[in-house]
PDB file of N, CA and C in Angstrom:
ATOM      1  N   UNK A   1     -29.243  -9.237 -24.853  1.00  0.00           N
ATOM      2  CA  UNK A   1     -27.982  -9.068 -24.536  1.00  0.00           C
ATOM      3  C   UNK A   1     -27.031  -9.788 -23.523  1.00  0.00           C
ATOM      4  N   UNK A   2     -25.527  -9.775 -23.788  1.00  0.00           N
ATOM      5  CA  UNK A   2     -24.440 -10.306 -23.129  1.00  0.00           C
ATOM      6  C   UNK A   2     -23.616  -9.533 -22.046  1.00  0.00           C
ATOM      7  N   UNK A   3     -23.461  -9.644 -21.094  1.00  0.00           N
ATOM      8  CA  UNK A   3     -22.920  -9.197 -20.130  1.00  0.00           C
ATOM      9  C   UNK A   3     -21.569 -10.221 -19.679  1.00  0.00           C
ATOM     10  N   UNK A   4     -20.143  -9.503 -20.021  1.00  0.00           N
ATOM     11  CA  UNK A   4     -19.161  -9.896 -19.686  1.00  0.00           C
ATOM     12  C   UNK A   4     -18.363 -10.082 -18.332  1.00  0.00           C
ATOM     13  N   UNK A   5     -18.600 -11.449 -18.149  1.00  0.00           N
ATOM     14  CA  UNK A   5     -18.005 -12.006 -16.448  1.00  0.00           C
ATOM     15  C   UNK A   5     -17.054 -10.748 -15.895  1.00  0.00           C
ATOM     16  N   UNK A   6     -17.008 -10.296 -14.872  1.00  0.00           N
ATOM     17  CA  UNK A   6     -15.847  -9.895 -13.794  1.00  0.00           C
ATOM     18  C   UNK A   6     -15.071 -10.721 -13.936  1.00  0.00           C
ATOM     19  N   UNK A   7     -13.865 -10.297 -14.036  1.00  0.00           N
ATOM     20  CA  UNK A   7     -12.766 -10.610 -13.738  1.00  0.00           C
ATOM     21  C   UNK A   7     -13.126 -11.782 -11.795  1.00  0.00           C
ATOM     22  N   UNK A   8     -12.374 -12.902 -11.751  1.00  0.00           N
ATOM     23  CA  UNK A   8     -12.718 -12.963 -10.474  1.00  0.00           C
ATOM     24  C   UNK A   8     -12.275 -12.355  -9.535  1.00  0.00           C
ATOM     25  N   UNK A   9     -12.752 -12.458  -8.401  1.00  0.00           N
ATOM     26  CA  UNK A   9     -11.936 -11.901  -7.082  1.00  0.00           C
ATOM     27  C   UNK A   9     -10.815 -12.612  -6.677  1.00  0.00           C
ATOM     28  N   UNK A  10     -10.061 -11.863  -5.646  1.00  0.00           N
ATOM     29  CA  UNK A  10      -8.498 -11.929  -5.425  1.00  0.00           C
ATOM     30  C   UNK A  10      -9.122 -13.600  -4.685  1.00  0.00           C
ATOM     31  N   UNK A  11      -9.973 -13.164  -3.378  1.00  0.00           N
ATOM     32  CA  UNK A  11     -10.226 -14.361  -2.754  1.00  0.00           C
ATOM     33  C   UNK A  11     -10.569 -15.720  -3.757  1.00  0.00           C
ATOM     34  N   UNK A  12     -11.445 -15.434  -4.304  1.00  0.00           N
ATOM     35  CA  UNK A  12     -12.278 -16.412  -5.829  1.00  0.00           C
ATOM     36  C   UNK A  12     -10.481 -17.524  -5.875  1.00  0.00           C
ATOM     37  N   UNK A  13      -9.895 -16.460  -6.601  1.00  0.00           N
ATOM     38  CA  UNK A  13      -8.417 -17.077  -6.767  1.00  0.00           C
ATOM     39  C   UNK A  13      -7.803 -17.667  -6.041  1.00  0.00           C
ATOM     40  N   UNK A  14      -8.240 -17.604  -4.411  1.00  0.00           N
ATOM     41  CA  UNK A  14      -7.177 -18.119  -3.581  1.00  0.00           C
ATOM     42  C   UNK A  14      -8.133 -19.359  -3.204  1.00  0.00           C
ATOM     43  N   UNK A  15      -9.335 -19.299  -3.584  1.00  0.00           N
ATOM     44  CA  UNK A  15     -10.014 -20.343  -3.497  1.00  0.00           C
ATOM     45  C   UNK A  15      -9.264 -21.726  -4.334  1.00  0.00           C
ATOM     46  N   UNK A  16      -9.341 -21.063  -5.886  1.00  0.00           N
ATOM     47  CA  UNK A  16      -9.193 -21.832  -7.291  1.00  0.00           C
ATOM     48  C   UNK A  16      -7.119 -22.236  -6.812  1.00  0.00           C
ATOM     49  N   UNK A  17      -7.068 -21.749  -5.769  1.00  0.00           N
ATOM     50  CA  UNK A  17      -5.083 -22.348  -5.489  1.00  0.00           C
ATOM     51  C   UNK A  17      -4.807 -21.326  -6.821  1.00  0.00           C
ATOM     52  N   UNK A  18      -5.294 -20.522  -7.016  1.00  0.00           N
ATOM     53  CA  UNK A  18      -4.118 -19.603  -8.029  1.00  0.00           C
ATOM     54  C   UNK A  18      -3.318 -18.634  -7.568  1.00  0.00           C
ATOM     55  N   UNK A  19      -3.611 -18.059  -6.068  1.00  0.00           N
ATOM     56  CA  UNK A  19      -2.706 -16.952  -5.726  1.00  0.00           C
ATOM     57  C   UNK A  19      -2.651 -18.316  -3.733  1.00  0.00           C
ATOM     58  N   UNK A  20      -1.174 -17.889  -3.680  1.00  0.00           N
ATOM     59  CA  UNK A  20      -1.277 -18.672  -2.504  1.00  0.00           C
ATOM     60  C   UNK A  20      -1.530 -18.033  -0.970  1.00  0.00           C
ATOM     61  N   UNK A  21      -2.389 -18.685  -0.154  1.00  0.00           N
ATOM     62  CA  UNK A  21      -2.547 -18.167   1.156  1.00  0.00           C
ATOM     63  C   UNK A  21      -2.242 -19.484   2.229  1.00  0.00           C
ATOM     64  N   UNK A  22      -2.201 -18.641   3.339  1.00  0.00           N
ATOM     65  CA  UNK A  22      -1.794 -19.474   4.246  1.00  0.00           C
ATOM     66  C   UNK A  22      -3.509 -20.190   4.978  1.00  0.00           C
ATOM     67  N   UNK A  23      -4.029 -21.369   4.277  1.00  0.00           N
ATOM     68  CA  UNK A  23      -5.693 -21.566   5.050  1.00  0.00           C
ATOM     69  C   UNK A  23      -5.740 -22.641   6.266  1.00  0.00           C
ATOM     70  N   UNK A  24      -6.652 -21.779   7.152  1.00  0.00           N
ATOM     71  CA  UNK A  24      -6.725 -22.207   8.285  1.00  0.00           C
ATOM     72  C   UNK A  24      -7.853 -23.161   8.336  1.00  0.00           C
ATOM     73  N   UNK A  25      -8.538 -23.077   7.577  1.00  0.00           N
ATOM     74  CA  UNK A  25     -10.179 -23.926   7.560  1.00  0.00           C
ATOM     75  C   UNK A  25     -10.946 -23.610   6.414  1.00  0.00           C
ATOM     76  N   UNK A  26     -11.424 -24.755   5.984  1.00  0.00           N
ATOM     77  CA  UNK A  26     -12.092 -25.240   4.534  1.00  0.00           C
ATOM     78  C   UNK A  26     -12.877 -26.027   4.505  1.00  0.00           C
ATOM     79  N   UNK A  27     -14.136 -25.738   3.775  1.00  0.00           N
ATOM     80  CA  UNK A  27     -15.156 -26.567   3.790  1.00  0.00           C
ATOM     81  C   UNK A  27     -15.882 -26.637   2.334  1.00  0.00           C
ATOM     82  N   UNK A  28     -16.642 -26.875   1.816  1.00  0.00           N
ATOM     83  CA  UNK A  28     -17.681 -26.933   1.058  1.00  0.00           C
ATOM     84  C   UNK A  28     -18.103 -25.319   0.682  1.00  0.00           C
ATOM     85  N   UNK A  29     -18.506 -24.640   1.505  1.00  0.00           N
ATOM     86  CA  UNK A  29     -19.046 -22.949   1.342  1.00  0.00           C
ATOM     87  C   UNK A  29     -18.180 -22.020   1.634  1.00  0.00           C
ATOM     88  N   UNK A  30     -17.329 -22.616   2.973  1.00  0.00           N
ATOM     89  CA  UNK A  30     -16.380 -21.389   3.717  1.00  0.00           C
ATOM     90  C   UNK A  30     -15.328 -21.726   3.312  1.00  0.00           C
ATOM     91  N   UNK A  31     -13.752 -20.545   2.934  1.00  0.00           N
ATOM     92  CA  UNK A  31     -12.528 -20.765   3.122  1.00  0.00           C
ATOM     93  C   UNK A  31     -11.531 -19.536   4.762  1.00  0.00           C
ATOM     94  N   UNK A  32     -11.258 -19.986   5.238  1.00  0.00           N
ATOM     95  CA  UNK A  32     -10.686 -18.910   6.353  1.00  0.00           C
ATOM     96  C   UNK A  32      -9.251 -18.908   6.000  1.00  0.00           C
ATOM     97  N   UNK A  33      -8.429 -18.108   5.603  1.00  0.00           N
ATOM     98  CA  UNK A  33      -6.900 -17.655   5.886  1.00  0.00           C
ATOM     99  C   UNK A  33      -6.075 -16.610   6.758  1.00  0.00           C
ATOM    100  N   UNK A  34      -4.997 -16.112   6.955  1.00  0.00           N
ATOM    101  CA  UNK A  34      -4.274 -15.771   6.983  1.00  0.00           C
ATOM    102  C   UNK A  34      -4.540 -14.306   6.246  1.00  0.00           C
ATOM    103  N   UNK A  35      -4.861 -13.211   6.910  1.00  0.00           N
ATOM    104  CA  UNK A  35      -4.728 -11.715   6.538  1.00  0.00           C
ATOM    105  C   UNK A  35      -3.520 -11.513   6.380  1.00  0.00           C
ATOM    106  N   UNK A  36      -2.903 -11.517   4.651  1.00  0.00           N
ATOM    107  CA  UNK A  36      -1.221 -10.723   4.795  1.00  0.00           C
ATOM    108  C   UNK A  36      -0.960  -9.378   5.474  1.00  0.00           C
ATOM    109  N   UNK A  37      -1.458  -8.992   5.705  1.00  0.00           N
ATOM    110  CA  UNK A  37      -1.724  -7.390   6.611  1.00  0.00           C
ATOM    111  C   UNK A  37      -2.273  -7.279   7.493  1.00  0.00           C
ATOM    112  N   UNK A  38      -1.689  -7.775   8.243  1.00  0.00           N
ATOM    113  CA  UNK A  38      -2.247  -8.238   9.754  1.00  0.00           C
ATOM    114  C   UNK A  38      -2.510  -7.235  10.736  1.00  0.00           C
ATOM    115  N   UNK A  39      -3.673  -6.716  11.123  1.00  0.00           N
ATOM    116  CA  UNK A  39      -4.038  -5.380  11.879  1.00  0.00           C
ATOM    117  C   UNK A  39      -4.054  -6.017  13.926  1.00  0.00           C
ATOM    118  N   UNK A  40      -3.911  -7.700  14.045  1.00  0.00           N
ATOM    119  CA  UNK A  40      -3.714  -8.008  15.168  1.00  0.00           C
ATOM    120  C   UNK A  40      -2.583  -9.468  15.262  1.00  0.00           C
ATOM    121  N   UNK A  41      -2.531  -9.747  16.741  1.00  0.00           N
ATOM    122  CA  UNK A  41      -1.963 -11.246  16.336  1.00  0.00           C
ATOM    123  C   UNK A  41      -2.545 -12.079  15.635  1.00  0.00           C
ATOM    124  N   UNK A  42      -3.729 -11.850  15.702  1.00  0.00           N
ATOM    125  CA  UNK A  42      -4.366 -13.171  14.853  1.00  0.00           C
ATOM    126  C   UNK A  42      -5.431 -12.536  14.075  1.00  0.00           C
ATOM    127  N   UNK A  43      -5.303 -12.728  12.645  1.00  0.00           N
ATOM    128  CA  UNK A  43      -5.881 -11.942  11.671  1.00  0.00           C
ATOM    129  C   UNK A  43      -6.331 -12.711  10.816  1.00  0.00           C
ATOM    130  N   UNK A  44      -7.323 -13.035  10.748  1.00  0.00           N
ATOM    131  CA  UNK A  44      -8.251 -14.223   9.939  1.00  0.00           C
ATOM    132  C   UNK A  44      -8.996 -13.604   9.131  1.00  0.00           C
ATOM    133  N   UNK A  45      -9.181 -14.038   7.691  1.00  0.00           N
ATOM    134  CA  UNK A  45      -9.726 -13.720   6.792  1.00  0.00           C
ATOM    135  C   UNK A  45     -11.346 -15.176   6.634  1.00  0.00           C
ATOM    136  N   UNK A  46     -12.561 -14.897   6.821  1.00  0.00           N
ATOM    137  CA  UNK A  46     -13.192 -15.669   6.283  1.00  0.00           C
ATOM    138  C   UNK A  46     -13.945 -15.136   5.511  1.00  0.00           C
ATOM    139  N   UNK A  47     -14.591 -16.270   4.342  1.00  0.00           N
ATOM    140  CA  UNK A  47     -14.793 -15.723   2.986  1.00  0.00           C
ATOM    141  C   UNK A  47     -15.310 -17.421   2.573  1.00  0.00           C
ATOM    142  N   UNK A  48     -17.000 -16.307   2.283  1.00  0.00           N
ATOM    143  CA  UNK A  48     -17.976 -17.752   1.275  1.00  0.00           C
ATOM    144  C   UNK A  48     -16.806 -17.805  -0.351  1.00  0.00           C
ATOM    145  N   UNK A  49     -17.183 -18.974  -0.188  1.00  0.00           N
ATOM    146  CA  UNK A  49     -16.879 -19.517  -1.798  1.00  0.00           C
ATOM    147  C   UNK A  49     -17.044 -18.729  -2.796  1.00  0.00           C
ATOM    148  N   UNK A  50     -18.593 -18.383  -3.034  1.00  0.00           N
ATOM    149  CA  UNK A  50     -19.233 -17.988  -3.846  1.00  0.00           C
ATOM    150  C   UNK A  50     -19.152 -16.760  -3.784  1.00  0.00           C
ATOM    151  N   UNK A  51     -19.091 -16.007  -5.053  1.00  0.00           N
ATOM    152  CA  UNK A  51     -19.130 -14.696  -5.186  1.00  0.00           C
ATOM    153  C   UNK A  51     -20.346 -13.809  -5.751  1.00  0.00           C
ATOM    154  N   UNK A  52     -21.760 -14.576  -5.242  1.00  0.00           N
ATOM    155  CA  UNK A  52     -22.759 -13.809  -5.371  1.00  0.00           C
ATOM    156  C   UNK A  52     -22.919 -13.233  -4.479  1.00  0.00           C
ATOM    157  N   UNK A  53     -22.627 -12.947  -3.529  1.00  0.00           N
ATOM    158  CA  UNK A  53     -22.856 -11.790  -2.605  1.00  0.00           C
ATOM    159  C   UNK A  53     -21.586 -10.802  -2.312  1.00  0.00           C
ATOM    160  N   UNK A  54     -21.891  -9.749  -2.408  1.00  0.00           N
ATOM    161  CA  UNK A  54     -20.594  -8.240  -2.908  1.00  0.00           C
ATOM    162  C   UNK A  54     -20.194  -7.797  -0.837  1.00  0.00           C
ATOM    163  N   UNK A  55     -21.261  -8.257  -0.314  1.00  0.00           N
ATOM    164  CA  UNK A  55     -20.824  -7.493   1.553  1.00  0.00           C
ATOM    165  C   UNK A  55     -22.603  -8.351   2.204  1.00  0.00           C
ATOM    166  N   UNK A  56     -22.341  -7.799   3.483  1.00  0.00           N
ATOM    167  CA  UNK A  56     -22.724  -8.793   4.441  1.00  0.00           C
ATOM    168  C   UNK A  56     -23.966  -8.182   4.330  1.00  0.00           C
ATOM    169  N   UNK A  57     -24.415  -7.325   3.863  1.00  0.00           N
ATOM    170  CA  UNK A  57     -25.950  -6.845   3.658  1.00  0.00           C
ATOM    171  C   UNK A  57     -26.929  -7.764   3.064  1.00  0.00           C
ATOM    172  N   UNK A  58     -25.966  -8.052   1.509  1.00  0.00           N
ATOM    173  CA  UNK A  58     -26.605  -9.267   0.363  1.00  0.00           C
ATOM    174  C   UNK A  58     -26.501 -10.300   1.399  1.00  0.00           C
ATOM    175  N   UNK A  59     -24.975 -11.171   1.848  1.00  0.00           N
ATOM    176  CA  UNK A  59     -25.110 -12.253   2.091  1.00  0.00           C
ATOM    177  C   UNK A  59     -26.508 -12.884   3.607  1.00  0.00           C
ATOM    178  N   UNK A  60     -26.584 -11.271   4.204  1.00  0.00           N
ATOM    179  CA  UNK A  60     -27.113 -11.809   5.359  1.00  0.00           C
ATOM    180  C   UNK A  60     -28.885 -11.704   4.862  1.00  0.00           C
ATOM    181  N   UNK A  61     -29.480 -11.184   3.525  1.00  0.00           N
ATOM    182  CA  UNK A  61     -30.523 -10.794   3.013  1.00  0.00           C
ATOM    183  C   UNK A  61     -30.593 -12.494   2.008  1.00  0.00           C
ATOM    184  N   UNK A  62     -29.661 -12.896   0.974  1.00  0.00           N
ATOM    185  CA  UNK A  62     -29.803 -13.978   0.463  1.00  0.00           C
ATOM    186  C   UNK A  62     -29.130 -15.446   0.921  1.00  0.00           C
ATOM    187  N   UNK A  63     -28.815 -15.716   1.821  1.00  0.00           N
ATOM    188  CA  UNK A  63     -27.851 -16.550   2.654  1.00  0.00           C
ATOM    189  C   UNK A  63     -27.931 -16.760   4.163  1.00  0.00           C
ATOM    190  N   UNK A  64     -29.151 -16.095   5.086  1.00  0.00           N
ATOM    191  CA  UNK A  64     -28.718 -16.178   6.399  1.00  0.00           C
ATOM    192  C   UNK A  64     -28.350 -17.238   6.853  1.00  0.00           C
ATOM    193  N   UNK A  65     -28.496 -18.893   6.574  1.00  0.00           N
ATOM    194  CA  UNK A  65     -27.277 -19.766   6.769  1.00  0.00           C
ATOM    195  C   UNK A  65     -26.022 -19.730   6.403  1.00  0.00           C
ATOM    196  N   UNK A  66     -25.872 -19.187   5.736  1.00  0.00           N
ATOM    197  CA  UNK A  66     -23.968 -19.346   5.230  1.00  0.00           C
ATOM    198  C   UNK A  66     -23.435 -18.439   5.991  1.00  0.00           C
ATOM    199  N   UNK A  67     -23.976 -17.229   6.466  1.00  0.00           N
ATOM    200  CA  UNK A  67     -24.010 -16.030   7.429  1.00  0.00           C
ATOM    201  C   UNK A  67     -23.863 -16.604   8.892  1.00  0.00           C
ATOM    202  N   UNK A  68     -24.624 -16.981   9.672  1.00  0.00           N
ATOM    203  CA  UNK A  68     -24.269 -17.984  10.590  1.00  0.00           C
ATOM    204  C   UNK A  68     -23.675 -18.729  10.517  1.00  0.00           C
ATOM    205  N   UNK A  69     -23.231 -19.548   9.204  1.00  0.00           N
ATOM    206  CA  UNK A  69     -21.841 -20.674   9.415  1.00  0.00           C
ATOM    207  C   UNK A  69     -20.792 -19.484   9.286  1.00  0.00           C
ATOM    208  N   UNK A  70     -20.524 -18.695   8.336  1.00  0.00           N
ATOM    209  CA  UNK A  70     -19.683 -17.776   8.555  1.00  0.00           C
ATOM    210  C   UNK A  70     -19.113 -17.117  10.186  1.00  0.00           C
ATOM    211  N   UNK A  71     -20.030 -17.044  10.716  1.00  0.00           N
ATOM    212  CA  UNK A  71     -19.586 -15.971  11.851  1.00  0.00           C
ATOM    213  C   UNK A  71     -19.865 -17.631  13.246  1.00  0.00           C
ATOM    214  N   UNK A  72     -19.993 -18.852  12.884  1.00  0.00           N
ATOM    215  CA  UNK A  72     -19.457 -19.333  13.856  1.00  0.00           C
ATOM    216  C   UNK A  72     -18.061 -20.284  13.263  1.00  0.00           C
ATOM    217  N   UNK A  73     -17.468 -20.200  12.457  1.00  0.00           N
ATOM    218  CA  UNK A  73     -16.354 -20.577  11.849  1.00  0.00           C
ATOM    219  C   UNK A  73     -15.470 -19.353  12.909  1.00  0.00           C
ATOM    220  N   UNK A  74     -15.827 -18.222  12.750  1.00  0.00           N
ATOM    221  CA  UNK A  74     -14.990 -17.318  13.302  1.00  0.00           C
ATOM    222  C   UNK A  74     -14.887 -17.638  14.440  1.00  0.00           C
ATOM    223  N   UNK A  75     -15.368 -17.571  15.157  1.00  0.00           N
ATOM    224  CA  UNK A  75     -15.663 -17.913  16.722  1.00  0.00           C
ATOM    225  C   UNK A  75     -15.081 -19.530  16.864  1.00  0.00           C
ATOM    226  N   UNK A  76     -15.388 -20.663  16.588  1.00  0.00           N
ATOM    227  CA  UNK A  76     -13.956 -21.400  16.328  1.00  0.00           C
ATOM    228  C   UNK A  76     -12.636 -20.764  16.280  1.00  0.00           C
ATOM    229  N   UNK A  77     -12.346 -20.229  14.992  1.00  0.00           N
ATOM    230  CA  UNK A  77     -10.788 -19.458  15.092  1.00  0.00           C
ATOM    231  C   UNK A  77     -10.444 -18.938  16.184  1.00  0.00           C
ATOM    232  N   UNK A  78     -11.315 -18.249  16.608  1.00  0.00           N
ATOM    233  CA  UNK A  78     -10.923 -17.692  17.618  1.00  0.00           C
ATOM    234  C   UNK A  78     -10.520 -18.358  18.860  1.00  0.00           C
ATOM    235  N   UNK A  79     -11.244 -19.226  19.162  1.00  0.00           N
ATOM    236  CA  UNK A  79     -10.971 -20.051  20.124  1.00  0.00           C
ATOM    237  C   UNK A  79     -10.274 -20.887  20.026  1.00  0.00           C
ATOM    238  N   UNK A  80      -9.384 -21.532  18.911  1.00  0.00           N
ATOM    239  CA  UNK A  80      -8.892 -22.204  18.105  1.00  0.00           C
ATOM    240  C   UNK A  80      -7.421 -21.796  18.516  1.00  0.00           C
ATOM    241  N   UNK A  81      -7.484 -19.890  17.749  1.00  0.00           N
ATOM    242  CA  UNK A  81      -6.111 -19.223  17.371  1.00  0.00           C
ATOM    243  C   UNK A  81      -5.741 -18.301  18.897  1.00  0.00           C
ATOM    244  N   UNK A  82      -6.963 -17.824  19.999  1.00  0.00           N
ATOM    245  CA  UNK A  82      -6.549 -17.062  20.053  1.00  0.00           C
ATOM    246  C   UNK A  82      -7.309 -16.970  22.101  1.00  0.00           C
ATOM    247  N   UNK A  83      -7.694 -16.802  22.724  1.00  0.00           N
ATOM    248  CA  UNK A  83      -7.997 -16.909  23.919  1.00  0.00           C
ATOM    249  C   UNK A  83     -10.130 -17.042  23.748  1.00  0.00           C
ATOM    250  N   UNK A  84     -10.622 -16.901  22.497  1.00  0.00           N
ATOM    251  CA  UNK A  84     -11.735 -17.003  22.345  1.00  0.00           C
ATOM    252  C   UNK A  84     -12.507 -15.702  22.155  1.00  0.00           C
ATOM    253  N   UNK A  85     -11.922 -14.372  22.506  1.00  0.00           N
ATOM    254  CA  UNK A  85     -12.081 -13.062  22.390  1.00  0.00           C
ATOM    255  C   UNK A  85     -12.307 -12.811  21.127  1.00  0.00           C
ATOM    256  N   UNK A  86     -13.008 -12.186  20.307  1.00  0.00           N
ATOM    257  CA  UNK A  86     -12.612 -11.403  19.359  1.00  0.00           C
ATOM    258  C   UNK A  86     -13.640 -10.678  18.338  1.00  0.00           C
ATOM    259  N   UNK A  87     -12.837  -9.472  17.709  1.00  0.00           N
ATOM    260  CA  UNK A  87     -13.276  -8.757  16.949  1.00  0.00           C
ATOM    261  C   UNK A  87     -13.960  -9.379  15.141  1.00  0.00           C
ATOM    262  N   UNK A  88     -14.947  -8.880  15.257  1.00  0.00           N
ATOM    263  CA  UNK A  88     -15.663 -10.006  13.470  1.00  0.00           C
ATOM    264  C   UNK A  88     -16.085  -8.016  12.785  1.00  0.00           C
ATOM    265  N   UNK A  89     -14.978  -8.148  11.845  1.00  0.00           N
ATOM    266  CA  UNK A  89     -15.256  -6.777  11.176  1.00  0.00           C
ATOM    267  C   UNK A  89     -15.662  -6.687   9.846  1.00  0.00           C
ATOM    268  N   UNK A  90     -16.756  -6.512   9.007  1.00  0.00           N
ATOM    269  CA  UNK A  90     -17.234  -6.977   7.885  1.00  0.00           C
ATOM    270  C   UNK A  90     -17.569  -5.245   7.250  1.00  0.00           C
ATOM    271  N   UNK A  91     -16.377  -4.837   6.646  1.00  0.00           N
ATOM    272  CA  UNK A  91     -16.343  -3.981   5.891  1.00  0.00           C
ATOM    273  C   UNK A  91     -17.596  -4.093   4.645  1.00  0.00           C
ATOM    274  N   UNK A  92     -18.010  -2.616   4.035  1.00  0.00           N
ATOM    275  CA  UNK A  92     -19.601  -2.481   3.674  1.00  0.00           C
ATOM    276  C   UNK A  92     -19.410  -1.385   2.954  1.00  0.00           C
ATOM    277  N   UNK A  93     -18.927  -1.317   1.578  1.00  0.00           N
ATOM    278  CA  UNK A  93     -18.853  -0.344   1.069  1.00  0.00           C
ATOM    279  C   UNK A  93     -17.196   0.668   0.767  1.00  0.00           C
ATOM    280  N   UNK A  94     -17.254   1.192  -0.626  1.00  0.00           N
ATOM    281  CA  UNK A  94     -16.102   1.719  -0.652  1.00  0.00           C
ATOM    282  C   UNK A  94     -15.678   2.651   0.156  1.00  0.00           C
ATOM    283  N   UNK A  95     -16.402   3.384   0.564  1.00  0.00           N
ATOM    284  CA  UNK A  95     -16.063   4.432   1.597  1.00  0.00           C
ATOM    285  C   UNK A  95     -16.440   4.089   3.388  1.00  0.00           C
ATOM    286  N   UNK A  96     -16.491   2.235   3.274  1.00  0.00           N
ATOM    287  CA  UNK A  96     -16.138   2.460   4.556  1.00  0.00           C
ATOM    288  C   UNK A  96     -15.077   1.304   4.560  1.00  0.00           C
ATOM    289  N   UNK A  97     -14.004   1.567   3.661  1.00  0.00           N
ATOM    290  CA  UNK A  97     -12.425   0.965   3.544  1.00  0.00           C
ATOM    291  C   UNK A  97     -13.225  -0.885   3.111  1.00  0.00           C
ATOM    292  N   UNK A  98     -14.011  -0.823   2.391  1.00  0.00           N
ATOM    293  CA  UNK A  98     -14.318  -2.550   1.558  1.00  0.00           C
ATOM    294  C   UNK A  98     -13.782  -2.108   0.626  1.00  0.00           C
ATOM    295  N   UNK A  99     -12.185  -2.922   0.126  1.00  0.00           N
ATOM    296  CA  UNK A  99     -11.493  -3.115  -1.362  1.00  0.00           C
ATOM    297  C   UNK A  99     -11.716  -3.859  -2.185  1.00  0.00           C
ATOM    298  N   UNK A 100     -12.487  -5.170  -1.793  1.00  0.00           N
ATOM    299  CA  UNK A 100     -12.737  -6.497  -1.829  1.00  0.00           C
ATOM    300  C   UNK A 100     -14.039  -6.725  -2.233  1.00  0.00           C
ATOM    301  N   UNK A 101     -14.973  -6.655  -3.543  1.00  0.00           N
ATOM    302  CA  UNK A 101     -15.900  -6.703  -3.296  1.00  0.00           C
ATOM    303  C   UNK A 101     -16.913  -8.191  -3.423  1.00  0.00           C
ATOM    304  N   UNK A 102     -16.614  -8.900  -2.697  1.00  0.00           N
ATOM    305  CA  UNK A 102     -16.850 -10.503  -2.746  1.00  0.00           C
ATOM    306  C   UNK A 102     -16.835 -10.366  -0.659  1.00  0.00           C
ATOM    307  N   UNK A 103     -17.780 -11.094  -0.414  1.00  0.00           N
ATOM    308  CA  UNK A 103     -18.175 -10.650   1.269  1.00  0.00           C
ATOM    309  C   UNK A 103     -17.300 -11.047   2.094  1.00  0.00           C
ATOM    310  N   UNK A 104     -16.602 -10.633   3.020  1.00  0.00           N
ATOM    311  CA  UNK A 104     -15.677 -11.556   3.533  1.00  0.00           C
ATOM    312  C   UNK A 104     -15.922 -11.429   5.021  1.00  0.00           C
ATOM    313  N   UNK A 105     -15.509 -11.686   6.285  1.00  0.00           N
ATOM    314  CA  UNK A 105     -14.994 -11.046   7.261  1.00  0.00           C
ATOM    315  C   UNK A 105     -14.067 -11.526   7.973  1.00  0.00           C
ATOM    316  N   UNK A 106     -13.501 -10.307   8.770  1.00  0.00           N
ATOM    317  CA  UNK A 106     -12.091 -10.145   9.800  1.00  0.00           C
ATOM    318  C   UNK A 106     -12.329 -10.432  10.753  1.00  0.00           C
ATOM    319  N   UNK A 107     -11.789 -11.492  11.312  1.00  0.00           N
ATOM    320  CA  UNK A 107     -11.560 -11.777  12.701  1.00  0.00           C
ATOM    321  C   UNK A 107     -10.290 -11.463  12.917  1.00  0.00           C
ATOM    322  N   UNK A 108     -10.357 -10.631  14.480  1.00  0.00           N
ATOM    323  CA  UNK A 108      -8.997 -10.116  14.822  1.00  0.00           C
ATOM    324  C   UNK A 108      -9.004 -10.596  16.293  1.00  0.00           C
ATOM    325  N   UNK A 109      -8.001 -10.514  16.813  1.00  0.00           N
ATOM    326  CA  UNK A 109      -7.700 -11.282  18.206  1.00  0.00           C
ATOM    327  C   UNK A 109      -6.979 -11.378  18.981  1.00  0.00           C
ATOM    328  N   UNK A 110      -6.316 -10.971  20.161  1.00  0.00           N
ATOM    329  CA  UNK A 110      -5.215 -10.979  20.531  1.00  0.00           C
ATOM    330  C   UNK A 110      -4.604  -9.252  20.760  1.00  0.00           C
ATOM    331  N   UNK A 111      -5.364  -8.575  21.048  1.00  0.00           N
ATOM    332  CA  UNK A 111      -4.679  -7.498  20.808  1.00  0.00           C
ATOM    333  C   UNK A 111      -5.019  -6.901  19.742  1.00  0.00           C
ATOM    334  N   UNK A 112      -5.108  -5.212  19.255  1.00  0.00           N
ATOM    335  CA  UNK A 112      -4.471  -4.799  18.106  1.00  0.00           C
ATOM    336  C   UNK A 112      -3.541  -4.532  17.962  1.00  0.00           C
ATOM    337  N   UNK A 113      -2.881  -3.991  16.743  1.00  0.00           N
ATOM    338  CA  UNK A 113      -1.349  -2.965  16.564  1.00  0.00           C
ATOM    339  C   UNK A 113      -1.726  -2.375  16.289  1.00  0.00           C
ATOM    340  N   UNK A 114      -0.530  -1.388  16.808  1.00  0.00           N
ATOM    341  CA  UNK A 114      -0.894  -0.079  16.426  1.00  0.00           C
ATOM    342  C   UNK A 114       0.195   0.266  15.628  1.00  0.00           C
TER     343      UNK A 114
END
């Protein structure tokens, strides 16, 4: 039985440079870029390049080292772009507000916008 692959997520399309983004950090496993609809003066998305994990729960179970790298990247970005204090938000599931089912973290710093 063959399964058709789902279309690449918007994040995979950013990784492939099909969609422009202001990229702040990138390595072989992660990419970080500015959110297009920021909720704080600093609002960065940190995204694993793999689409293997839909949410942070799957990532934690499947690749805890990648999750640790994601958190370390978030901390480094908050230190670079703000005062080092930050919120790290993972939406998990449609009812929590997750709209892209490719695990990603929101790094917010510098005070929240109202």
